[in-house]
Amino acid sequence: MEASELELINRLATSHDELRHLVSRHRSLETDLERLEAIRNPTDTERREMNRIKRLKLRGKDRITQILSQHR
């Protein structure tokens, strides 16, 4: 994200509960994904979980982008 987007997120997150939740969830998913990606030979189940997390992150980022565009 660009610096201007991060500034807007920080400003809006204090009063926008959904945005605050989405950002927190995105960070949590990123941590989970990093943990899984560190596995040298992931199982099929771990690969499916990585894909699931990536989809959730993308869905959340899309919603964050929608919220930000409404407040520009």
C-alpha atoms as a PDB file:
ATOM      1  CA  MET A   1       0.000   0.000   0.000  1.00  0.00           C
ATOM      2  CA  GLU A   2       1.058   3.514  -0.645  1.00  0.00           C
ATOM      3  CA  ALA A   3       1.889   5.908   2.164  1.00  0.00           C
ATOM      4  CA  SER A   4      -1.221   7.989   1.439  1.00  0.00           C
ATOM      5  CA  GLU A   5      -3.415   4.863   1.755  1.00  0.00           C
ATOM      6  CA  LEU A   6      -1.784   3.954   5.052  1.00  0.00           C
ATOM      7  CA  GLU A   7      -2.357   7.463   6.373  1.00  0.00           C
ATOM      8  CA  LEU A   8      -6.020   7.314   5.367  1.00  0.00           C
ATOM      9  CA  ILE A   9      -6.403   3.878   6.962  1.00  0.00           C
ATOM     10  CA  ASN A  10      -4.850   5.093  10.207  1.00  0.00           C
ATOM     11  CA  ARG A  11      -7.082   8.146  10.257  1.00  0.00           C
ATOM     12  CA  LEU A  12     -10.305   6.277   9.445  1.00  0.00           C
ATOM     13  CA  ALA A  13      -9.610   3.228  11.628  1.00  0.00           C
ATOM     14  CA  THR A  14     -10.152   5.246  14.800  1.00  0.00           C
ATOM     15  CA  SER A  15     -13.815   5.747  13.919  1.00  0.00           C
ATOM     16  CA  HIS A  16     -14.580   2.985  11.403  1.00  0.00           C
ATOM     17  CA  ASP A  17     -15.082  -0.352  13.159  1.00  0.00           C
ATOM     18  CA  GLU A  18     -15.281  -2.449   9.995  1.00  0.00           C
ATOM     19  CA  LEU A  19     -12.070  -0.982   8.616  1.00  0.00           C
ATOM     20  CA  ARG A  20     -10.274  -1.520  11.906  1.00  0.00           C
ATOM     21  CA  HIS A  21     -11.429  -5.158  11.948  1.00  0.00           C
ATOM     22  CA  LEU A  22     -10.444  -5.729   8.297  1.00  0.00           C
ATOM     23  CA  VAL A  23      -6.946  -4.319   8.820  1.00  0.00           C
ATOM     24  CA  SER A  24      -6.436  -6.405  11.942  1.00  0.00           C
ATOM     25  CA  ARG A  25      -7.667  -9.532  10.181  1.00  0.00           C
ATOM     26  CA  HIS A  26      -5.443  -8.830   7.171  1.00  0.00           C
ATOM     27  CA  ARG A  27      -2.374  -8.604   9.414  1.00  0.00           C
ATOM     28  CA  SER A  28      -3.318 -11.805  11.210  1.00  0.00           C
ATOM     29  CA  LEU A  29      -3.779 -13.647   7.921  1.00  0.00           C
ATOM     30  CA  GLU A  30      -0.424 -12.342   6.710  1.00  0.00           C
ATOM     31  CA  THR A  31       1.256 -13.810   9.792  1.00  0.00           C
ATOM     32  CA  ASP A  32      -0.476 -17.148   9.240  1.00  0.00           C
ATOM     33  CA  LEU A  33       0.530 -17.168   5.577  1.00  0.00           C
ATOM     34  CA  GLU A  34       4.164 -16.370   6.367  1.00  0.00           C
ATOM     35  CA  ARG A  35       4.245 -19.279   8.823  1.00  0.00           C
ATOM     36  CA  LEU A  36       2.889 -21.683   6.214  1.00  0.00           C
ATOM     37  CA  GLU A  37       5.141 -20.382   3.443  1.00  0.00           C
ATOM     38  CA  ALA A  38       8.172 -21.068   5.642  1.00  0.00           C
ATOM     39  CA  ILE A  39       7.438 -24.788   5.496  1.00  0.00           C
ATOM     40  CA  ARG A  40       9.945 -26.422   3.166  1.00  0.00           C
ATOM     41  CA  ASN A  41       7.703 -29.199   1.809  1.00  0.00           C
ATOM     42  CA  PRO A  42       4.090 -28.313   2.561  1.00  0.00           C
ATOM     43  CA  THR A  43       1.461 -31.013   2.519  1.00  0.00           C
ATOM     44  CA  ASP A  44      -1.590 -30.792   0.284  1.00  0.00           C
ATOM     45  CA  THR A  45      -3.583 -29.631   3.282  1.00  0.00           C
ATOM     46  CA  GLU A  46      -1.063 -26.866   4.008  1.00  0.00           C
ATOM     47  CA  ARG A  47      -1.108 -25.760   0.366  1.00  0.00           C
ATOM     48  CA  ARG A  48      -4.906 -25.621   0.406  1.00  0.00           C
ATOM     49  CA  GLU A  49      -4.753 -23.567   3.610  1.00  0.00           C
ATOM     50  CA  MET A  50      -2.285 -21.158   1.983  1.00  0.00           C
ATOM     51  CA  ASN A  51      -4.662 -20.714  -0.951  1.00  0.00           C
ATOM     52  CA  ARG A  52      -7.615 -20.206   1.398  1.00  0.00           C
ATOM     53  CA  ILE A  53      -5.698 -17.545   3.334  1.00  0.00           C
ATOM     54  CA  LYS A  54      -4.679 -15.794   0.117  1.00  0.00           C
ATOM     55  CA  ARG A  55      -8.329 -15.655  -0.996  1.00  0.00           C
ATOM     56  CA  LEU A  56      -9.411 -14.260   2.385  1.00  0.00           C
ATOM     57  CA  LYS A  57      -6.667 -11.633   2.280  1.00  0.00           C
ATOM     58  CA  LEU A  58      -7.658 -10.592  -1.238  1.00  0.00           C
ATOM     59  CA  ARG A  59     -11.340 -10.360  -0.304  1.00  0.00           C
ATOM     60  CA  GLY A  60     -10.434  -8.243   2.727  1.00  0.00           C
ATOM     61  CA  LYS A  61      -8.124  -5.999   0.737  1.00  0.00           C
ATOM     62  CA  ASP A  62     -10.858  -5.460  -1.851  1.00  0.00           C
ATOM     63  CA  ARG A  63     -13.245  -4.366   0.909  1.00  0.00           C
ATOM     64  CA  ILE A  64     -10.593  -2.084   2.432  1.00  0.00           C
ATOM     65  CA  THR A  65     -10.115  -0.507  -0.997  1.00  0.00           C
ATOM     66  CA  GLN A  66     -13.879   0.050  -1.310  1.00  0.00           C
ATOM     67  CA  ILE A  67     -14.010   1.766   2.076  1.00  0.00           C
ATOM     68  CA  LEU A  68     -11.034   3.968   1.245  1.00  0.00           C
ATOM     69  CA  SER A  69     -12.509   5.005  -2.100  1.00  0.00           C
ATOM     70  CA  GLN A  70     -15.709   6.104  -0.329  1.00  0.00           C
ATOM     71  CA  HIS A  71     -13.686   8.426   1.918  1.00  0.00           C
ATOM     72  CA  ARG A  72     -11.428  10.051  -0.650  1.00  0.00           C
END
